[in-house]
C-alpha atoms as a PDB file:
ATOM      1  CA  UNK A   1       0.000   0.000   0.000  1.00  0.00           C
ATOM      2  CA  UNK A   2       2.796   2.402   0.909  1.00  0.00           C
ATOM      3  CA  UNK A   3       4.554   1.640  -2.383  1.00  0.00           C
ATOM      4  CA  UNK A   4       1.322   2.457  -4.250  1.00  0.00           C
ATOM      5  CA  UNK A   5       0.970   5.798  -2.452  1.00  0.00           C
ATOM      6  CA  UNK A   6       4.563   6.704  -3.281  1.00  0.00           C
ATOM      7  CA  UNK A   7       3.953   5.799  -6.913  1.00  0.00           C
ATOM      8  CA  UNK A   8       0.802   7.943  -7.058  1.00  0.00           C
ATOM      9  CA  UNK A   9       2.600  10.938  -5.525  1.00  0.00           C
ATOM     10  CA  UNK A  10       5.476  10.455  -7.960  1.00  0.00           C
ATOM     11  CA  UNK A  11       3.098  10.478 -10.937  1.00  0.00           C
ATOM     12  CA  UNK A  12       1.172  13.475  -9.584  1.00  0.00           C
ATOM     13  CA  UNK A  13       4.411  15.415  -9.159  1.00  0.00           C
ATOM     14  CA  UNK A  14       5.334  14.698 -12.781  1.00  0.00           C
ATOM     15  CA  UNK A  15       1.967  16.041 -13.949  1.00  0.00           C
ATOM     16  CA  UNK A  16       2.251  19.210 -11.860  1.00  0.00           C
ATOM     17  CA  UNK A  17       5.694  19.993 -13.285  1.00  0.00           C
ATOM     18  CA  UNK A  18       4.474  19.883 -16.888  1.00  0.00           C
ATOM     19  CA  UNK A  19       3.639  23.108 -18.710  1.00  0.00           C
ATOM     20  CA  UNK A  20       0.486  21.463 -20.092  1.00  0.00           C
ATOM     21  CA  UNK A  21      -0.900  21.239 -16.561  1.00  0.00           C
ATOM     22  CA  UNK A  22      -0.316  24.946 -15.932  1.00  0.00           C
ATOM     23  CA  UNK A  23      -1.927  25.882 -19.238  1.00  0.00           C
ATOM     24  CA  UNK A  24      -4.909  23.694 -18.401  1.00  0.00           C
ATOM     25  CA  UNK A  25      -5.375  25.408 -15.049  1.00  0.00           C
ATOM     26  CA  UNK A  26      -5.239  28.822 -16.709  1.00  0.00           C
ATOM     27  CA  UNK A  27      -7.667  27.840 -19.471  1.00  0.00           C
ATOM     28  CA  UNK A  28     -10.123  26.301 -17.026  1.00  0.00           C
ATOM     29  CA  UNK A  29     -10.081  29.275 -14.673  1.00  0.00           C
ATOM     30  CA  UNK A  30     -10.648  31.924 -17.334  1.00  0.00           C
ATOM     31  CA  UNK A  31     -14.314  32.154 -16.301  1.00  0.00           C
ATOM     32  CA  UNK A  32     -13.622  32.787 -12.579  1.00  0.00           C
ATOM     33  CA  UNK A  33     -10.901  35.328 -13.395  1.00  0.00           C
ATOM     34  CA  UNK A  34     -13.141  37.201 -15.824  1.00  0.00           C
ATOM     35  CA  UNK A  35     -15.910  37.115 -13.222  1.00  0.00           C
ATOM     36  CA  UNK A  36     -13.597  38.789 -10.686  1.00  0.00           C
ATOM     37  CA  UNK A  37     -12.855  41.616 -13.111  1.00  0.00           C
ATOM     38  CA  UNK A  38     -16.535  41.967 -13.936  1.00  0.00           C
ATOM     39  CA  UNK A  39     -17.416  42.288 -10.232  1.00  0.00           C
ATOM     40  CA  UNK A  40     -14.900  45.087  -9.799  1.00  0.00           C
ATOM     41  CA  UNK A  41     -16.393  46.891 -12.783  1.00  0.00           C
ATOM     42  CA  UNK A  42     -19.878  46.361 -11.311  1.00  0.00           C
ATOM     43  CA  UNK A  43     -18.695  47.872  -8.039  1.00  0.00           C
ATOM     44  CA  UNK A  44     -17.296  50.964  -9.755  1.00  0.00           C
ATOM     45  CA  UNK A  45     -20.429  51.292 -11.872  1.00  0.00           C
ATOM     46  CA  UNK A  46     -23.108  50.806  -9.210  1.00  0.00           C
ATOM     47  CA  UNK A  47     -21.307  51.941  -6.068  1.00  0.00           C
ATOM     48  CA  UNK A  48     -23.501  54.994  -5.534  1.00  0.00           C
ATOM     49  CA  UNK A  49     -26.850  53.398  -6.396  1.00  0.00           C
ATOM     50  CA  UNK A  50     -27.574  51.957  -2.954  1.00  0.00           C
ATOM     51  CA  UNK A  51     -29.649  48.988  -4.152  1.00  0.00           C
ATOM     52  CA  UNK A  52     -27.470  46.548  -2.258  1.00  0.00           C
ATOM     53  CA  UNK A  53     -29.802  43.579  -2.127  1.00  0.00           C
ATOM     54  CA  UNK A  54     -30.968  44.028  -5.688  1.00  0.00           C
ATOM     55  CA  UNK A  55     -27.407  44.210  -6.943  1.00  0.00           C
ATOM     56  CA  UNK A  56     -26.292  41.178  -4.981  1.00  0.00           C
ATOM     57  CA  UNK A  57     -29.298  39.168  -6.121  1.00  0.00           C
ATOM     58  CA  UNK A  58     -28.433  39.957  -9.716  1.00  0.00           C
ATOM     59  CA  UNK A  59     -24.738  39.201  -9.245  1.00  0.00           C
ATOM     60  CA  UNK A  60     -25.565  35.978  -7.404  1.00  0.00           C
ATOM     61  CA  UNK A  61     -27.499  34.719 -10.425  1.00  0.00           C
ATOM     62  CA  UNK A  62     -24.638  35.751 -12.723  1.00  0.00           C
ATOM     63  CA  UNK A  63     -21.970  33.995 -10.634  1.00  0.00           C
ATOM     64  CA  UNK A  64     -24.080  30.840 -10.360  1.00  0.00           C
ATOM     65  CA  UNK A  65     -24.520  30.866 -14.157  1.00  0.00           C
ATOM     66  CA  UNK A  66     -20.743  31.254 -14.429  1.00  0.00           C
ATOM     67  CA  UNK A  67     -20.334  28.204 -12.200  1.00  0.00           C
ATOM     68  CA  UNK A  68     -22.492  26.197 -14.608  1.00  0.00           C
ATOM     69  CA  UNK A  69     -20.357  27.533 -17.461  1.00  0.00           C
ATOM     70  CA  UNK A  70     -17.222  26.551 -15.533  1.00  0.00           C
ATOM     71  CA  UNK A  71     -18.367  22.920 -15.273  1.00  0.00           C
ATOM     72  CA  UNK A  72     -19.475  22.914 -18.915  1.00  0.00           C
ATOM     73  CA  UNK A  73     -16.162  24.395 -20.095  1.00  0.00           C
ATOM     74  CA  UNK A  74     -14.333  21.746 -18.102  1.00  0.00           C
ATOM     75  CA  UNK A  75     -16.157  19.006 -20.006  1.00  0.00           C
ATOM     76  CA  UNK A  76     -15.154  20.611 -23.318  1.00  0.00           C
ATOM     77  CA  UNK A  77     -11.436  21.111 -22.714  1.00  0.00           C
ATOM     78  CA  UNK A  78     -10.720  18.123 -20.431  1.00  0.00           C
ATOM     79  CA  UNK A  79     -10.471  15.566 -23.312  1.00  0.00           C
ATOM     80  CA  UNK A  80      -7.708  17.579 -25.013  1.00  0.00           C
ATOM     81  CA  UNK A  81      -5.749  17.852 -21.786  1.00  0.00           C
ATOM     82  CA  UNK A  82      -6.293  14.195 -20.940  1.00  0.00           C
ATOM     83  CA  UNK A  83      -5.090  13.022 -24.332  1.00  0.00           C
ATOM     84  CA  UNK A  84      -1.834  14.990 -23.982  1.00  0.00           C
ATOM     85  CA  UNK A  85      -1.157  14.032 -20.370  1.00  0.00           C
ATOM     86  CA  UNK A  86      -1.940  10.351 -20.862  1.00  0.00           C
ATOM     87  CA  UNK A  87       0.207  10.416 -24.006  1.00  0.00           C
ATOM     88  CA  UNK A  88       3.100  11.838 -21.976  1.00  0.00           C
ATOM     89  CA  UNK A  89       2.536   9.320 -19.179  1.00  0.00           C
ATOM     90  CA  UNK A  90       2.585   6.283 -21.474  1.00  0.00           C
ATOM     91  CA  UNK A  91       3.608   6.864 -25.101  1.00  0.00           C
ATOM     92  CA  UNK A  92       6.457   9.273 -24.328  1.00  0.00           C
ATOM     93  CA  UNK A  93       7.733   7.088 -21.497  1.00  0.00           C
ATOM     94  CA  UNK A  94       7.773   4.072 -23.807  1.00  0.00           C
ATOM     95  CA  UNK A  95       9.783   6.066 -26.334  1.00  0.00           C
ATOM     96  CA  UNK A  96      12.325   7.475 -23.871  1.00  0.00           C
ATOM     97  CA  UNK A  97      12.756   4.285 -21.868  1.00  0.00           C
ATOM     98  CA  UNK A  98      11.252   5.708 -18.677  1.00  0.00           C
ATOM     99  CA  UNK A  99       8.640   2.971 -18.567  1.00  0.00           C
ATOM    100  CA  UNK A 100      11.336   0.311 -18.712  1.00  0.00           C
ATOM    101  CA  UNK A 101      13.169   1.969 -15.810  1.00  0.00           C
ATOM    102  CA  UNK A 102       9.931   2.103 -13.822  1.00  0.00           C
ATOM    103  CA  UNK A 103       9.103  -1.565 -14.408  1.00  0.00           C
ATOM    104  CA  UNK A 104      12.578  -2.613 -13.267  1.00  0.00           C
ATOM    105  CA  UNK A 105      11.550  -1.450  -9.800  1.00  0.00           C
ATOM    106  CA  UNK A 106       9.370  -3.801  -7.704  1.00  0.00           C
ATOM    107  CA  UNK A 107       5.996  -2.633  -9.016  1.00  0.00           C
ATOM    108  CA  UNK A 108       3.335  -4.558 -10.871  1.00  0.00           C
ATOM    109  CA  UNK A 109       1.962  -3.385 -14.186  1.00  0.00           C
ATOM    110  CA  UNK A 110      -1.562  -2.944 -12.857  1.00  0.00           C
ATOM    111  CA  UNK A 111      -0.090  -0.672 -10.188  1.00  0.00           C
ATOM    112  CA  UNK A 112       1.545   1.483 -12.868  1.00  0.00           C
ATOM    113  CA  UNK A 113      -1.737   1.950 -14.745  1.00  0.00           C
ATOM    114  CA  UNK A 114      -3.671   2.556 -11.518  1.00  0.00           C
ATOM    115  CA  UNK A 115      -1.165   5.053 -10.120  1.00  0.00           C
ATOM    116  CA  UNK A 116      -1.013   7.068 -13.341  1.00  0.00           C
ATOM    117  CA  UNK A 117      -4.811   7.091 -13.574  1.00  0.00           C
ATOM    118  CA  UNK A 118      -5.303   8.191  -9.967  1.00  0.00           C
ATOM    119  CA  UNK A 119      -2.716  10.950 -10.390  1.00  0.00           C
ATOM    120  CA  UNK A 120      -4.467  12.310 -13.485  1.00  0.00           C
ATOM    121  CA  UNK A 121      -7.873  12.174 -11.791  1.00  0.00           C
ATOM    122  CA  UNK A 122      -6.573  13.918  -8.669  1.00  0.00           C
ATOM    123  CA  UNK A 123      -5.229  16.733 -10.813  1.00  0.00           C
ATOM    124  CA  UNK A 124      -8.508  17.041 -12.723  1.00  0.00           C
ATOM    125  CA  UNK A 125     -10.575  17.201  -9.541  1.00  0.00           C
ATOM    126  CA  UNK A 126      -8.118  19.723  -8.091  1.00  0.00           C
ATOM    127  CA  UNK A 127      -8.423  21.873 -11.209  1.00  0.00           C
ATOM    128  CA  UNK A 128     -12.211  22.015 -11.203  1.00  0.00           C
ATOM    129  CA  UNK A 129     -12.264  22.586  -7.425  1.00  0.00           C
ATOM    130  CA  UNK A 130      -9.895  25.559  -7.696  1.00  0.00           C
ATOM    131  CA  UNK A 131     -12.241  27.152 -10.227  1.00  0.00           C
ATOM    132  CA  UNK A 132     -15.186  26.614  -7.883  1.00  0.00           C
ATOM    133  CA  UNK A 133     -13.251  28.200  -5.003  1.00  0.00           C
ATOM    134  CA  UNK A 134     -12.463  31.239  -7.150  1.00  0.00           C
ATOM    135  CA  UNK A 135     -16.139  31.627  -8.016  1.00  0.00           C
ATOM    136  CA  UNK A 136     -17.107  31.290  -4.351  1.00  0.00           C
ATOM    137  CA  UNK A 137     -14.608  34.054  -3.589  1.00  0.00           C
ATOM    138  CA  UNK A 138     -16.256  36.134  -6.319  1.00  0.00           C
ATOM    139  CA  UNK A 139     -19.568  35.684  -4.528  1.00  0.00           C
ATOM    140  CA  UNK A 140     -18.107  36.921  -1.238  1.00  0.00           C
ATOM    141  CA  UNK A 141     -16.729  39.947  -3.092  1.00  0.00           C
ATOM    142  CA  UNK A 142     -20.165  40.527  -4.624  1.00  0.00           C
ATOM    143  CA  UNK A 143     -21.758  40.449  -1.165  1.00  0.00           C
ATOM    144  CA  UNK A 144     -19.151  42.865   0.218  1.00  0.00           C
ATOM    145  CA  UNK A 145     -19.354  45.446  -2.567  1.00  0.00           C
ATOM    146  CA  UNK A 146     -23.124  45.461  -3.005  1.00  0.00           C
ATOM    147  CA  UNK A 147     -24.232  46.087   0.552  1.00  0.00           C
ATOM    148  CA  UNK A 148     -26.826  48.818   0.815  1.00  0.00           C
ATOM    149  CA  UNK A 149     -24.860  52.053   1.065  1.00  0.00           C
ATOM    150  CA  UNK A 150     -27.711  53.816   2.874  1.00  0.00           C
ATOM    151  CA  UNK A 151     -28.557  56.136   0.001  1.00  0.00           C
ATOM    152  CA  UNK A 152     -32.003  54.492   0.004  1.00  0.00           C
ATOM    153  CA  UNK A 153     -33.175  53.059   3.334  1.00  0.00           C
ATOM    154  CA  UNK A 154     -33.947  49.351   3.248  1.00  0.00           C
ATOM    155  CA  UNK A 155     -37.505  49.930   4.484  1.00  0.00           C
ATOM    156  CA  UNK A 156     -38.179  52.173   1.489  1.00  0.00           C
ATOM    157  CA  UNK A 157     -37.315  49.456  -1.004  1.00  0.00           C
ATOM    158  CA  UNK A 158     -40.318  47.702  -2.554  1.00  0.00           C
ATOM    159  CA  UNK A 159     -41.066  44.327  -0.945  1.00  0.00           C
ATOM    160  CA  UNK A 160     -40.471  42.604  -4.288  1.00  0.00           C
ATOM    161  CA  UNK A 161     -36.927  43.997  -4.276  1.00  0.00           C
ATOM    162  CA  UNK A 162     -36.107  44.056  -0.608  1.00  0.00           C
ATOM    163  CA  UNK A 163     -36.750  40.327  -0.186  1.00  0.00           C
ATOM    164  CA  UNK A 164     -34.337  39.206  -2.887  1.00  0.00           C
ATOM    165  CA  UNK A 165     -31.700  38.161  -0.381  1.00  0.00           C
ATOM    166  CA  UNK A 166     -29.452  35.307  -1.439  1.00  0.00           C
ATOM    167  CA  UNK A 167     -27.194  32.959   0.545  1.00  0.00           C
ATOM    168  CA  UNK A 168     -23.474  33.680   0.693  1.00  0.00           C
ATOM    169  CA  UNK A 169     -22.524  30.189  -0.472  1.00  0.00           C
ATOM    170  CA  UNK A 170     -22.469  29.526  -4.207  1.00  0.00           C
ATOM    171  CA  UNK A 171     -23.406  25.845  -4.044  1.00  0.00           C
ATOM    172  CA  UNK A 172     -24.262  23.546  -1.178  1.00  0.00           C
ATOM    173  CA  UNK A 173     -21.714  21.010  -0.008  1.00  0.00           C
ATOM    174  CA  UNK A 174     -23.947  18.194  -1.234  1.00  0.00           C
ATOM    175  CA  UNK A 175     -24.293  19.709  -4.722  1.00  0.00           C
ATOM    176  CA  UNK A 176     -20.533  20.326  -4.921  1.00  0.00           C
ATOM    177  CA  UNK A 177     -19.741  16.732  -3.974  1.00  0.00           C
ATOM    178  CA  UNK A 178     -22.251  15.393  -6.493  1.00  0.00           C
ATOM    179  CA  UNK A 179     -20.774  17.522  -9.290  1.00  0.00           C
ATOM    180  CA  UNK A 180     -17.269  16.356  -8.366  1.00  0.00           C
ATOM    181  CA  UNK A 181     -18.441  12.741  -8.476  1.00  0.00           C
ATOM    182  CA  UNK A 182     -20.007  13.297 -11.905  1.00  0.00           C
ATOM    183  CA  UNK A 183     -16.742  14.868 -13.079  1.00  0.00           C
ATOM    184  CA  UNK A 184     -14.835  11.871 -11.756  1.00  0.00           C
ATOM    185  CA  UNK A 185     -17.110   9.337 -13.468  1.00  0.00           C
ATOM    186  CA  UNK A 186     -17.140  11.010 -16.872  1.00  0.00           C
ATOM    187  CA  UNK A 187     -13.416  11.663 -17.046  1.00  0.00           C
ATOM    188  CA  UNK A 188     -12.463   8.253 -15.660  1.00  0.00           C
ATOM    189  CA  UNK A 189     -14.108   6.814 -18.762  1.00  0.00           C
ATOM    190  CA  UNK A 190     -12.055   9.135 -20.993  1.00  0.00           C
ATOM    191  CA  UNK A 191      -8.801   8.354 -19.196  1.00  0.00           C
ATOM    192  CA  UNK A 192      -9.359   4.639 -19.793  1.00  0.00           C
ATOM    193  CA  UNK A 193     -10.032   5.320 -23.470  1.00  0.00           C
ATOM    194  CA  UNK A 194      -6.841   7.366 -23.893  1.00  0.00           C
ATOM    195  CA  UNK A 195      -4.695   4.885 -21.955  1.00  0.00           C
ATOM    196  CA  UNK A 196      -5.808   2.108 -24.278  1.00  0.00           C
ATOM    197  CA  UNK A 197      -4.739   4.178 -27.300  1.00  0.00           C
ATOM    198  CA  UNK A 198      -1.446   5.255 -25.719  1.00  0.00           C
ATOM    199  CA  UNK A 199      -0.246   1.659 -25.497  1.00  0.00           C
ATOM    200  CA  UNK A 200      -0.002   1.450 -29.305  1.00  0.00           C
ATOM    201  CA  UNK A 201       2.038   4.639 -29.877  1.00  0.00           C
ATOM    202  CA  UNK A 202       5.425   5.971 -28.842  1.00  0.00           C
ATOM    203  CA  UNK A 203       4.656   9.590 -29.693  1.00  0.00           C
ATOM    204  CA  UNK A 204       2.332  11.577 -27.443  1.00  0.00           C
ATOM    205  CA  UNK A 205       1.411  13.968 -30.274  1.00  0.00           C
ATOM    206  CA  UNK A 206       0.457  11.200 -32.716  1.00  0.00           C
ATOM    207  CA  UNK A 207      -1.380   9.328 -29.985  1.00  0.00           C
ATOM    208  CA  UNK A 208      -3.335  12.466 -28.977  1.00  0.00           C
ATOM    209  CA  UNK A 209      -4.220  13.312 -32.573  1.00  0.00           C
ATOM    210  CA  UNK A 210      -5.358   9.763 -33.341  1.00  0.00           C
ATOM    211  CA  UNK A 211      -7.383   9.201 -30.181  1.00  0.00           C
ATOM    212  CA  UNK A 212      -9.053  12.625 -30.331  1.00  0.00           C
ATOM    213  CA  UNK A 213      -9.886  12.085 -34.000  1.00  0.00           C
ATOM    214  CA  UNK A 214     -11.522   8.760 -33.171  1.00  0.00           C
ATOM    215  CA  UNK A 215     -13.365  10.321 -30.220  1.00  0.00           C
ATOM    216  CA  UNK A 216     -14.669  13.251 -32.281  1.00  0.00           C
ATOM    217  CA  UNK A 217     -15.542  10.912 -35.146  1.00  0.00           C
ATOM    218  CA  UNK A 218     -17.572   8.679 -32.850  1.00  0.00           C
ATOM    219  CA  UNK A 219     -19.382  11.609 -31.294  1.00  0.00           C
ATOM    220  CA  UNK A 220     -20.099  13.146 -34.698  1.00  0.00           C
ATOM    221  CA  UNK A 221     -21.612   9.828 -35.773  1.00  0.00           C
ATOM    222  CA  UNK A 222     -23.721   9.790 -32.609  1.00  0.00           C
ATOM    223  CA  UNK A 223     -25.093  13.278 -33.317  1.00  0.00           C
ATOM    224  CA  UNK A 224     -25.843  12.513 -36.972  1.00  0.00           C
ATOM    225  CA  UNK A 225     -27.267   9.058 -36.314  1.00  0.00           C
ATOM    226  CA  UNK A 226     -29.470  10.078 -33.402  1.00  0.00           C
ATOM    227  CA  UNK A 227     -30.818  13.237 -35.056  1.00  0.00           C
ATOM    228  CA  UNK A 228     -30.987  12.438 -38.776  1.00  0.00           C
ATOM    229  CA  UNK A 229     -30.194   8.844 -39.729  1.00  0.00           C
ATOM    230  CA  UNK A 230     -32.394   7.526 -36.928  1.00  0.00           C
ATOM    231  CA  UNK A 231     -35.397   9.004 -38.680  1.00  0.00           C
ATOM    232  CA  UNK A 232     -34.580   6.904 -41.737  1.00  0.00           C
ATOM    233  CA  UNK A 233     -33.844   3.643 -39.962  1.00  0.00           C
ATOM    234  CA  UNK A 234     -34.103   2.902 -36.229  1.00  0.00           C
ATOM    235  CA  UNK A 235     -31.005   0.705 -36.600  1.00  0.00           C
ATOM    236  CA  UNK A 236     -28.862   3.848 -36.587  1.00  0.00           C
ATOM    237  CA  UNK A 237     -30.410   4.983 -33.312  1.00  0.00           C
ATOM    238  CA  UNK A 238     -29.636   1.623 -31.708  1.00  0.00           C
ATOM    239  CA  UNK A 239     -26.062   1.794 -32.998  1.00  0.00           C
ATOM    240  CA  UNK A 240     -25.616   5.379 -31.799  1.00  0.00           C
ATOM    241  CA  UNK A 241     -26.629   4.284 -28.297  1.00  0.00           C
ATOM    242  CA  UNK A 242     -23.332   2.379 -28.068  1.00  0.00           C
ATOM    243  CA  UNK A 243     -21.215   5.516 -28.571  1.00  0.00           C
ATOM    244  CA  UNK A 244     -19.705   6.007 -25.129  1.00  0.00           C
ATOM    245  CA  UNK A 245     -18.964   9.731 -25.524  1.00  0.00           C
ATOM    246  CA  UNK A 246     -22.681  10.495 -25.332  1.00  0.00           C
ATOM    247  CA  UNK A 247     -22.580   9.733 -21.605  1.00  0.00           C
ATOM    248  CA  UNK A 248     -20.149  12.604 -21.105  1.00  0.00           C
ATOM    249  CA  UNK A 249     -22.516  14.970 -22.932  1.00  0.00           C
ATOM    250  CA  UNK A 250     -25.447  13.720 -20.861  1.00  0.00           C
ATOM    251  CA  UNK A 251     -23.614  14.102 -17.554  1.00  0.00           C
ATOM    252  CA  UNK A 252     -22.524  17.658 -18.291  1.00  0.00           C
ATOM    253  CA  UNK A 253     -25.626  18.957 -20.022  1.00  0.00           C
ATOM    254  CA  UNK A 254     -26.737  22.339 -18.720  1.00  0.00           C
ATOM    255  CA  UNK A 255     -30.027  20.863 -17.504  1.00  0.00           C
ATOM    256  CA  UNK A 256     -28.189  18.217 -15.426  1.00  0.00           C
ATOM    257  CA  UNK A 257     -25.791  20.738 -13.894  1.00  0.00           C
ATOM    258  CA  UNK A 258     -28.549  23.211 -13.052  1.00  0.00           C
ATOM    259  CA  UNK A 259     -30.716  20.394 -11.722  1.00  0.00           C
ATOM    260  CA  UNK A 260     -27.967  19.361  -9.283  1.00  0.00           C
ATOM    261  CA  UNK A 261     -27.314  22.979  -8.255  1.00  0.00           C
ATOM    262  CA  UNK A 262     -31.006  23.663  -7.620  1.00  0.00           C
ATOM    263  CA  UNK A 263     -31.574  20.370  -5.809  1.00  0.00           C
ATOM    264  CA  UNK A 264     -34.068  19.130  -8.408  1.00  0.00           C
ATOM    265  CA  UNK A 265     -31.761  16.236  -9.361  1.00  0.00           C
ATOM    266  CA  UNK A 266     -29.339  14.044  -7.469  1.00  0.00           C
ATOM    267  CA  UNK A 267     -26.960  11.208  -8.238  1.00  0.00           C
ATOM    268  CA  UNK A 268     -29.820   8.829  -7.415  1.00  0.00           C
ATOM    269  CA  UNK A 269     -32.198  10.360  -9.958  1.00  0.00           C
ATOM    270  CA  UNK A 270     -32.944   7.727 -12.581  1.00  0.00           C
ATOM    271  CA  UNK A 271     -31.523   9.670 -15.553  1.00  0.00           C
ATOM    272  CA  UNK A 272     -28.322  10.592 -13.693  1.00  0.00           C
ATOM    273  CA  UNK A 273     -27.819   7.178 -12.086  1.00  0.00           C
ATOM    274  CA  UNK A 274     -28.179   5.317 -15.380  1.00  0.00           C
ATOM    275  CA  UNK A 275     -25.628   7.593 -17.063  1.00  0.00           C
ATOM    276  CA  UNK A 276     -23.192   7.176 -14.172  1.00  0.00           C
ATOM    277  CA  UNK A 277     -23.574   3.400 -14.322  1.00  0.00           C
ATOM    278  CA  UNK A 278     -22.889   3.378 -18.060  1.00  0.00           C
ATOM    279  CA  UNK A 279     -19.834   5.626 -17.598  1.00  0.00           C
ATOM    280  CA  UNK A 280     -18.331   3.322 -14.976  1.00  0.00           C
ATOM    281  CA  UNK A 281     -19.140   0.324 -17.181  1.00  0.00           C
ATOM    282  CA  UNK A 282     -17.242   1.797 -20.126  1.00  0.00           C
ATOM    283  CA  UNK A 283     -14.384   2.831 -17.827  1.00  0.00           C
ATOM    284  CA  UNK A 284     -14.084  -0.743 -16.512  1.00  0.00           C
ATOM    285  CA  UNK A 285     -14.078  -2.118 -20.063  1.00  0.00           C
ATOM    286  CA  UNK A 286     -11.360   0.278 -21.227  1.00  0.00           C
ATOM    287  CA  UNK A 287      -9.185  -0.485 -18.210  1.00  0.00           C
ATOM    288  CA  UNK A 288      -9.515  -4.232 -18.577  1.00  0.00           C
ATOM    289  CA  UNK A 289      -8.537  -3.961 -22.247  1.00  0.00           C
ATOM    290  CA  UNK A 290      -5.659  -1.618 -21.409  1.00  0.00           C
ATOM    291  CA  UNK A 291      -4.400  -3.930 -18.667  1.00  0.00           C
ATOM    292  CA  UNK A 292      -4.584  -6.922 -21.014  1.00  0.00           C
ATOM    293  CA  UNK A 293      -2.562  -5.084 -23.693  1.00  0.00           C
ATOM    294  CA  UNK A 294      -0.097  -3.602 -21.191  1.00  0.00           C
ATOM    295  CA  UNK A 295       0.514  -6.979 -19.541  1.00  0.00           C
ATOM    296  CA  UNK A 296       1.573  -8.497 -22.875  1.00  0.00           C
ATOM    297  CA  UNK A 297       3.509  -5.514 -24.205  1.00  0.00           C
ATOM    298  CA  UNK A 298       7.224  -6.209 -24.633  1.00  0.00           C
ATOM    299  CA  UNK A 299       8.973  -3.500 -22.615  1.00  0.00           C
ATOM    300  CA  UNK A 300      11.801  -5.104 -20.685  1.00  0.00           C
ATOM    301  CA  UNK A 301      13.306  -6.950 -23.664  1.00  0.00           C
END
């Protein structure tokens, strides 16, 4: 167990020292950073208006919408990051002999795949959590800068405006944990897919290009088959149902994210639970295939 923990920390350290990881963090947190600037502008613009509660209510809705956009953006850019990082973790290490050096040490091959996967997932969850923390900080700033300045007494505000108070937390702890779990499930499936591809290439760039092309090709087929070809022949609809990337789109649809945030949906809701189950099923399949290929791959000879 201790050896596994050391291996995970070693892999996580390698990810954190790569420029790709820093670029990913910057790209993912564009929304929170822009939101911070927007709040400052809002403060300078509305400072003298005195409608504290009205302003905060409006900004609360904006920041919560930005949080939804943050999760949605994560689902869009994560596959590109995952392809590059998994390519570096496997394909590049095959090419440079690092994998051979690692397997000379007393570790099993399943431990190598598991440790690299856990390290990537920890970084992904850290990245999306940092963005959420930034947005929560934006909400605290919004509360601080939109307090009623006293220019208009609170009792003189119309009831429809004066009662628009909002909580100071962006999302509940339960909603945050559920969104993190959804992020974990969807991206675990993608990591397994990219690992399987990385075992057949010794160039991270070629591996990323090939696997992303296949992924986008499959998803394009799903969109065409489910929306157009399915109207011609139901066979296309049945075939499109086997495209695994659709589960990622379902998990991170705006309606699902907003449903979790508003408490209308949970992980145990039938539509969410079925998608999560399918995602874990595909992830297990990809990992079993990857382990079978990796176990037979000639590395030490």
